[in-house]
Every structure is written in C-alpha cells, then in structure tokens.
C-alpha cells in the first residue's frame, strides 16, 4: 500500500490512523488547537501589561510625590524669605520707634532754642540801639540848649566866646609837629637873638638879677596869654625849628593875640612878610617852600605851602622880613607845622595860602 504524501508545511504529523478519521473532524481539531495556542500566548501578554501599568502608576505617583515635595520645599523657602523680610521690617520699625522720639525731642529742642536765641540776640541789639538813641537824644538836647543860649546871648558875649575859641585854636584840627610837648625844639645857633628890654629885667641896686624875656621855644607851646611870646630885635629875624619827626610838609600856621586883648591896643609887633624853608642833610640844605604875608586881623592863619617836594624834612626855618610898623621888636606867639608821615596821594599846587 503506497505511502501518503506529507505536506512539508504542516505543523504536526498526522497519525497513521488519520486516514480512518473523517475529513470534517480534522479542521475542527485544528481550529481548537489554534485557539488553545492563542490563549496560551495571550496569558503572558496580559500579565506583562498589568505589570507595565503598575509600574507606570507607581512612577506617576512617585513623580507626583516628588513634585509635591518640591512645591512644598519652594513654598517653605519662599515663606522663610518672606518671614525674614517681615522680621527685618519689624526690627527696623522697632529701632525707628525706639530712637525716633529722642531724636524728635532733640530736633524739637533745637527748633525751639534757635528761634529763642535769635530772639534774645535781637532783644540785645534793640536794647543796645535804644541806649545809643537815648545818648544821641541827650546830646541833641544839649546842643539845642546851647543853641538857645547862643541865641539869647548879646553880641558882646558872642564875640568874647569867639575870641576865646580863637585863642585856644582847637578848630585847626591838624597835627602839629612843632609842638614842644611831643619833642620839637629850637636850633638856637640858627635863630635870631632874643630882644632884651629893660622892663623885662629885674634889678637890685642897679644889678640885674634875672630876665623876664621869653626864650624862642615859647612859640612851640599852646599858651596864648598876652606877653607870652618870643620877641627879636627890629623887624627882621628868623627862627629854626627841629620837628618832632621827619614829615612830608603841607601847611604852616601862625597865631597872634587879637587887638581887643593887646595891652598896647595895636598889632604893630605882629609879623608881616615871611618865607618858609625846609632844611635837611649835613650841611643843612635849604629848600624854598613858600613866601606869605600874615594879616593880624585874622589871629590864626594857616598857609598852604607853595612848594611841596616829595621828600621829608626834619627842620623848618621861618625867616621874617617885616612887621606891621614897630621899629624896635617883632613878636611871635605861636608857630605850628603840619604835614603827614606818609607821602600824600595828591600834591596840591595852589599858589594862594589858605586862611582861617
């Protein structure tokens, strides 16, 4: 009996008695076997899927836990930062509230004290100026009283007061460098001799005891009483004055007594024409400073020098060439020399003397 041919592609060998099985039964068995094989293969697949889902679930939960943990950490970190800022703010507010009242008190005290001090200073100034105003009022009242007295005076009294002021000579208001009390003196070697009169001498049995004639330095003193003068013989003479210090010369003042108090009732002994020289160096160099004429009606006359060189002089010579009519002697009561210790800014060149 010939062998049946086998299909190489069959999955399993047919038994020998398969020829006796009907053909309809074979496919069912094959299908059933295929289903069993599929079930066997699906069972492991379903187990793997379940494990995979469990792993995904666990991973998701782990991610969520980790995410929530990170959020909690960030939240706690931010909360700590905010709490630190709040603590710092609270501490700063506490410090400000503790120290501010004291500083406010100090500021308030300063703001109160400074206006008080300025007010006190203003009050002191007002008091000081009030005292000055009161003093000025007192001086003004005194001047008004003097003016009223002057208005009530007679012409003779006014003239007498004017003569007294002229005798005192306080209104010149110029420094006198020929004043004896500050160191000025007379150079007797270059000064004329003093006039000797019999009435000016004291005798005892025809013996002269002393001479009442005044020396030349009397012209350097402010005493202007009648007879207190220096007299030289005739109408020509000279006097040389050593000044208290070297100065830039500007003016010279001559002073004589008024006619009203002269014992002779005349002014013929007063000097008339005279010349002024400045002297300096050795030998003495004479520098012409001006030529003037004295008017006895004006008992005090200030002459502005015609020549004012920009140099200092320590000696002044007054050379008199005439008087007002007395042939026997000429009298000088007072000579003043004015100037400055520093060089004046402007050099006046007025040819005419200034007379007071």
Protein backbone atom coordinates (compact mmCIF):
# COMPACT_ATOMS: atom_id res chain seq x y z
CA UNK A 1 0.00 0.00 0.00
CA UNK A 2 1.60 3.15 -1.09
CA UNK A 3 2.60 5.88 1.49
CA UNK A 4 0.58 9.03 1.54
CA UNK A 5 2.44 12.13 0.61
CA UNK A 6 3.03 14.67 3.51
CA UNK A 7 2.87 18.34 3.26
CA UNK A 8 6.14 19.80 4.50
CA UNK A 9 4.35 22.90 5.70
CA UNK A 10 2.16 21.10 8.21
CA UNK A 11 2.86 21.91 11.73
CA UNK A 12 2.34 18.41 13.12
CA UNK A 13 2.48 14.87 11.74
CA UNK A 14 -0.79 13.07 11.12
CA UNK A 15 -1.18 9.74 12.80
CA UNK A 16 -1.34 6.64 10.84
CA UNK A 17 -4.95 6.19 11.57
CA UNK A 18 -5.83 9.56 10.34
CA UNK A 19 -6.99 8.02 7.17
CA UNK A 20 -9.72 6.47 9.16
CA UNK A 21 -10.89 9.82 10.65
CA UNK A 22 -13.33 11.68 8.65
CA UNK A 23 -12.18 14.84 6.92
CA UNK A 24 -14.77 17.04 8.61
CA UNK A 25 -13.36 16.25 12.03
CA UNK A 26 -9.83 17.33 11.18
CA UNK A 27 -10.44 21.09 10.73
CA UNK A 28 -12.25 21.47 14.00
CA UNK A 29 -9.41 19.92 15.85
CA UNK A 30 -7.00 22.17 14.07
CA UNK A 31 -9.06 25.24 14.93
CA UNK A 32 -9.34 24.16 18.53
CA UNK A 33 -5.66 23.66 18.76
CA UNK A 34 -5.06 27.11 17.27
CA UNK A 35 -7.36 28.70 19.86
CA UNK A 36 -5.55 26.96 22.66
CA UNK A 37 -2.26 28.21 21.34
CA UNK A 38 -3.63 31.77 21.16
CA UNK A 39 -4.89 31.55 24.71
CA UNK A 40 -1.54 30.34 25.85
CA UNK A 41 0.16 33.29 24.13
CA UNK A 42 -2.41 35.91 25.41
CA UNK A 43 -1.93 34.91 29.03
CA UNK A 44 1.69 36.04 29.24
CA UNK A 45 0.84 39.23 27.33
CA UNK A 46 -1.89 40.21 29.80
CA UNK A 47 0.47 39.66 32.76
CA UNK A 48 3.13 41.93 31.23
CA UNK A 49 0.58 44.63 30.52
CA UNK A 50 -0.59 44.59 34.11
CA UNK A 51 2.97 44.86 35.40
CA UNK A 52 3.64 47.69 32.98
CA UNK A 53 0.55 49.57 34.12
CA UNK A 54 1.51 49.06 37.73
CA UNK A 55 4.97 50.39 37.03
CA UNK A 56 3.52 53.43 35.25
CA UNK A 57 1.13 54.02 38.11
CA UNK A 58 3.89 53.77 40.65
CA UNK A 59 6.09 56.06 38.59
CA UNK A 60 3.30 58.61 38.25
CA UNK A 61 2.64 58.54 41.97
CA UNK A 62 6.34 58.89 42.64
CA UNK A 63 6.51 61.86 40.25
CA UNK A 64 3.52 63.44 41.95
CA UNK A 65 5.01 62.91 45.38
CA UNK A 66 8.33 64.31 44.24
CA UNK A 67 6.57 67.25 42.53
CA UNK A 68 4.50 67.96 45.62
CA UNK A 69 7.64 67.69 47.74
CA UNK A 70 9.44 70.23 45.52
CA UNK A 71 6.46 72.56 45.67
CA UNK A 72 6.40 72.22 49.42
CA UNK A 73 10.13 73.00 49.54
CA UNK A 74 9.73 76.06 47.30
CA UNK A 75 6.77 77.20 49.35
CA UNK A 76 8.67 76.75 52.60
CA UNK A 77 11.71 78.53 51.10
CA UNK A 78 9.60 81.48 49.97
CA UNK A 79 7.82 81.51 53.31
CA UNK A 80 11.17 81.66 55.11
CA UNK A 81 12.31 84.53 52.85
CA UNK A 82 9.10 86.45 53.45
CA UNK A 83 9.33 85.74 57.16
CA UNK A 84 12.94 87.04 57.16
CA UNK A 85 11.88 90.22 55.36
CA UNK A 86 8.99 90.65 57.77
CA UNK A 87 11.32 90.11 60.74
CA UNK A 88 13.79 92.66 59.35
CA UNK A 89 10.98 95.15 58.77
CA UNK A 90 9.65 94.60 62.25
CA UNK A 91 13.13 95.05 63.74
CA UNK A 92 13.70 98.24 61.74
CA UNK A 93 10.32 99.58 62.79
CA UNK A 94 11.15 98.81 66.40
CA UNK A 95 14.50 100.56 66.17
CA UNK A 96 12.90 103.54 64.45
CA UNK A 97 10.15 103.73 67.07
CA UNK A 98 12.70 103.50 69.90
CA UNK A 99 15.18 106.10 68.63
CA UNK A 100 12.85 108.46 66.80
CA UNK A 101 11.23 110.00 69.89
CA UNK A 102 14.61 111.01 71.34
CA UNK A 103 15.71 112.48 68.01
CA UNK A 104 12.38 114.20 67.64
CA UNK A 105 12.81 115.67 71.10
CA UNK A 106 16.30 116.89 70.21
CA UNK A 107 15.06 118.32 66.94
CA UNK A 108 12.16 119.99 68.68
CA UNK A 109 14.50 121.43 71.31
CA UNK A 110 16.85 122.71 68.60
CA UNK A 111 13.98 124.09 66.57
CA UNK A 112 12.73 125.88 69.68
CA UNK A 113 16.12 127.00 71.02
CA UNK A 114 17.39 128.54 67.77
CA UNK A 115 14.45 130.99 67.42
CA UNK A 116 14.76 131.79 71.12
CA UNK A 117 18.48 132.56 70.74
CA UNK A 118 17.88 134.74 67.70
CA UNK A 119 15.08 136.50 69.57
CA UNK A 120 17.38 137.13 72.54
CA UNK A 121 20.10 138.47 70.26
CA UNK A 122 17.54 140.73 68.60
CA UNK A 123 16.41 141.96 72.02
CA UNK A 124 20.02 142.70 72.99
CA UNK A 125 20.55 144.63 69.77
CA UNK A 126 17.35 146.56 70.34
CA UNK A 127 18.47 147.42 73.88
CA UNK A 128 21.90 148.48 72.64
CA UNK A 129 20.45 150.68 69.91
CA UNK A 130 17.91 152.03 72.34
CA UNK A 131 20.75 153.13 74.65
CA UNK A 132 22.57 154.74 71.72
CA UNK A 133 19.40 156.54 70.67
CA UNK A 134 18.92 157.80 74.21
CA UNK A 135 22.52 159.05 74.29
CA UNK A 136 22.02 160.79 70.96
CA UNK A 137 18.86 162.38 72.27
CA UNK A 138 20.75 163.61 75.30
CA UNK A 139 23.50 165.12 73.12
CA UNK A 140 20.89 166.64 70.84
CA UNK A 141 19.10 168.19 73.78
CA UNK A 142 22.40 169.63 74.99
CA UNK A 143 23.10 171.11 71.56
CA UNK A 144 19.61 172.57 71.42
CA UNK A 145 20.13 174.11 74.87
CA UNK A 146 23.47 175.58 73.76
CA UNK A 147 21.91 176.99 70.61
CA UNK A 148 19.14 178.56 72.66
CA UNK A 149 21.76 180.06 74.97
CA UNK A 150 23.68 181.36 71.97
CA UNK A 151 20.54 182.96 70.58
CA UNK A 152 19.86 184.61 73.95
CA UNK A 153 23.40 185.97 74.23
CA UNK A 154 24.30 189.50 73.30
CA UNK A 155 26.70 190.38 70.52
CA UNK A 156 29.46 191.14 73.03
CA UNK A 157 29.18 187.72 74.64
CA UNK A 158 29.26 186.05 71.24
CA UNK A 159 32.38 187.98 70.32
CA UNK A 160 34.03 187.06 73.62
CA UNK A 161 33.35 183.36 73.08
CA UNK A 162 34.62 183.60 69.55
CA UNK A 163 37.83 185.24 70.77
CA UNK A 164 38.30 182.52 73.39
CA UNK A 165 37.90 179.83 70.76
CA UNK A 166 40.36 181.60 68.52
CA UNK A 167 42.84 181.87 71.36
CA UNK A 168 42.52 178.18 72.08
CA UNK A 169 42.84 177.37 68.39
CA UNK A 170 41.19 173.97 68.68
CA UNK A 171 39.38 174.26 65.36
CA UNK A 172 42.55 173.88 63.28
CA UNK A 173 42.29 170.08 63.60
CA UNK A 174 45.69 169.36 62.07
CA UNK A 175 48.60 167.54 63.70
CA UNK A 176 51.28 169.96 64.95
CA UNK A 177 54.80 168.53 64.53
CA UNK A 178 56.33 171.70 66.04
CA UNK A 179 54.81 171.11 69.48
CA UNK A 180 57.29 171.14 72.34
CA UNK A 181 55.40 168.55 74.37
CA UNK A 182 55.96 165.88 71.68
CA UNK A 183 59.67 166.54 71.19
CA UNK A 184 60.08 169.62 68.98
CA UNK A 185 62.83 172.10 69.87
CA UNK A 186 64.63 175.26 68.70
CA UNK A 187 68.00 175.35 66.91
CA UNK A 188 69.48 178.33 68.78
CA UNK A 189 72.54 178.53 66.51
CA UNK A 190 70.35 179.40 63.52
CA UNK A 191 67.83 181.52 65.43
CA UNK A 192 67.93 185.28 65.99
CA UNK A 193 68.82 186.68 69.41
CA UNK A 194 66.06 187.42 71.90
CA UNK A 195 65.14 191.08 72.35
CA UNK A 196 66.21 192.37 75.81
CA UNK A 197 64.07 195.18 77.20
CA UNK A 198 64.71 197.00 80.46
CA UNK A 199 61.17 196.40 81.64
CA UNK A 200 61.68 192.66 81.18
CA UNK A 201 64.59 192.58 83.64
CA UNK A 202 64.69 192.52 87.46
CA UNK A 203 67.28 194.70 89.22
CA UNK A 204 68.58 195.11 92.79
CA UNK A 205 70.71 198.17 93.41
CA UNK A 206 71.36 198.58 89.71
CA UNK A 207 72.35 194.90 89.48
CA UNK A 208 70.26 192.81 87.05
CA UNK A 209 69.12 189.63 88.75
CA UNK A 210 67.17 187.82 86.01
CA UNK A 211 65.45 188.44 82.69
CA UNK A 212 61.71 188.00 82.20
CA UNK A 213 62.04 187.83 78.38
CA UNK A 214 60.65 184.57 76.98
CA UNK A 215 63.01 182.19 75.10
CA UNK A 216 62.31 181.18 71.49
CA UNK A 217 60.79 177.80 72.39
CA UNK A 218 57.76 179.61 73.84
CA UNK A 219 56.38 179.67 70.28
CA UNK A 220 56.13 175.86 70.44
CA UNK A 221 53.63 175.92 73.33
CA UNK A 222 49.85 176.49 73.18
CA UNK A 223 49.79 179.23 75.86
CA UNK A 224 48.42 182.35 74.15
CA UNK A 225 48.16 184.83 77.00
CA UNK A 226 49.32 188.42 76.24
CA UNK A 227 53.09 188.86 76.69
CA UNK A 228 53.82 185.11 76.47
CA UNK A 229 55.68 185.47 73.16
CA UNK A 230 59.19 185.44 71.73
CA UNK A 231 60.49 188.83 70.63
CA UNK A 232 63.53 189.60 68.46
CA UNK A 233 65.08 192.99 67.76
CA UNK A 234 63.86 195.03 64.79
CA UNK A 235 61.59 193.74 62.02
CA UNK A 236 63.93 191.13 60.55
CA UNK A 237 64.73 187.82 62.14
CA UNK A 238 64.47 184.08 61.86
CA UNK A 239 63.68 181.02 63.91
CA UNK A 240 64.73 177.42 63.12
CA UNK A 241 62.55 174.62 64.49
CA UNK A 242 63.56 170.98 64.85
CA UNK A 243 60.40 168.98 64.29
CA UNK A 244 59.35 166.05 66.44
CA UNK A 245 59.96 163.74 63.44
CA UNK A 246 60.58 163.89 59.72
CA UNK A 247 57.38 164.57 57.81
CA UNK A 248 56.08 165.50 54.39
CA UNK A 249 55.26 169.19 54.93
CA UNK A 250 51.94 170.63 53.78
CA UNK A 251 50.96 173.69 55.89
CA UNK A 252 52.21 176.20 58.43
CA UNK A 253 50.07 178.11 60.92
CA UNK A 254 50.90 181.45 62.59
CA UNK A 255 48.92 182.69 65.59
CA UNK A 256 48.81 186.09 67.27
CA UNK A 257 46.69 187.64 70.03
CA UNK A 258 43.67 189.73 68.99
CA UNK A 259 43.73 193.50 69.17
CA UNK A 260 40.99 193.55 71.81
CA UNK A 261 43.23 191.96 74.49
CA UNK A 262 46.53 193.58 73.46
CA UNK A 263 47.99 195.80 76.21
CA UNK A 264 49.13 198.39 73.67
CA UNK A 265 45.86 198.28 71.76
CA UNK A 266 47.66 197.72 68.47
CA UNK A 267 49.12 194.84 66.43
CA UNK A 268 52.22 196.60 65.09
CA UNK A 269 54.54 193.94 66.57
CA UNK A 270 52.91 191.12 64.56
CA UNK A 271 55.00 189.66 61.69
CA UNK A 272 54.04 190.60 58.16
CA UNK A 273 56.10 189.12 55.31
CA UNK A 274 57.93 185.85 55.85
CA UNK A 275 59.47 182.96 53.94
CA UNK A 276 59.50 179.26 54.85
CA UNK A 277 62.40 176.88 54.14
CA UNK A 278 62.75 173.16 54.65
CA UNK A 279 66.16 172.00 55.84
CA UNK A 280 67.69 168.56 55.69
CA UNK A 281 71.11 166.95 55.38
CA UNK A 282 74.57 167.99 56.54
CA UNK A 283 75.44 170.72 55.75
CA UNK A 284 71.89 171.98 56.03
CA UNK A 285 70.33 172.35 52.60
CA UNK A 286 67.59 174.99 52.42
CA UNK A 287 64.63 174.22 50.17
CA UNK A 288 62.21 177.05 49.41
CA UNK A 289 58.64 176.11 50.41
CA UNK A 290 56.77 179.42 50.06
CA UNK A 291 56.53 183.15 50.74
CA UNK A 292 53.48 184.53 52.58
CA UNK A 293 52.03 187.54 54.37
CA UNK A 294 50.35 187.44 57.78
CA UNK A 295 47.22 189.56 58.30
CA UNK A 296 46.85 190.42 62.01
CA UNK A 297 43.07 190.87 61.73
CA UNK A 298 42.83 187.11 61.44
CA UNK A 299 44.64 185.96 64.55
CA UNK A 300 45.04 182.36 63.31
CA UNK A 301 46.09 181.81 59.72
CA UNK A 302 47.05 178.53 58.04
CA UNK A 303 49.20 178.79 54.92
CA UNK A 304 49.39 176.03 52.36
CA UNK A 305 52.95 175.56 51.15
CA UNK A 306 53.54 176.65 47.59
CA UNK A 307 56.26 174.05 47.05
CA UNK A 308 55.72 170.56 48.42
CA UNK A 309 58.56 168.30 47.24
CA UNK A 310 58.04 164.55 47.68
CA UNK A 311 60.60 164.29 50.47
CA UNK A 312 60.62 164.54 54.23
CA UNK A 313 62.07 167.36 56.32
CA UNK A 314 63.11 167.35 59.95
CA UNK A 315 63.89 171.09 60.28
CA UNK A 316 61.88 174.16 59.24
CA UNK A 317 63.18 177.75 59.09
CA UNK A 318 60.80 180.72 59.29
CA UNK A 319 62.51 183.87 58.01
CA UNK A 320 60.62 187.13 58.78
CA UNK A 321 61.42 190.17 56.62
CA UNK A 322 58.97 192.77 58.02
CA UNK A 323 56.36 193.54 60.67
CA UNK A 324 53.34 195.84 60.91
CA UNK A 325 55.14 199.03 61.99
CA UNK A 326 57.02 198.53 65.24
CA UNK A 327 60.69 199.53 64.71
CA UNK A 328 62.03 198.12 67.99
CA UNK A 329 60.97 194.45 68.01
CA UNK A 330 58.70 191.82 66.48
CA UNK A 331 56.71 189.24 68.46
CA UNK A 332 55.92 185.62 67.60
CA UNK A 333 53.28 183.96 69.72
CA UNK A 334 52.89 180.51 68.18
CA UNK A 335 54.12 178.61 65.11
CA UNK A 336 52.63 175.29 64.03
CA UNK A 337 53.95 172.97 61.32
CA UNK A 338 51.60 170.50 59.66
CA UNK A 339 52.16 167.52 57.41
CA UNK A 340 51.99 163.74 57.29
CA UNK A 341 54.37 160.89 57.99
CA UNK A 342 53.40 159.20 54.70
CA UNK A 343 53.56 160.65 51.22
CA UNK A 344 50.22 162.27 50.27
CA UNK A 345 48.48 160.84 47.23
CA UNK A 346 47.82 164.24 45.66
CA UNK A 347 50.27 167.10 45.77
CA UNK A 348 48.32 170.38 45.92
CA UNK A 349 49.83 173.18 43.86
CA UNK A 350 47.66 176.10 44.94
CA UNK A 351 49.70 179.37 44.89
CA UNK A 352 47.42 181.10 47.36
CA UNK A 353 47.56 180.47 51.13
CA UNK A 354 44.59 179.12 52.97
CA UNK A 355 43.48 181.50 55.67
CA UNK A 356 41.18 180.70 58.56
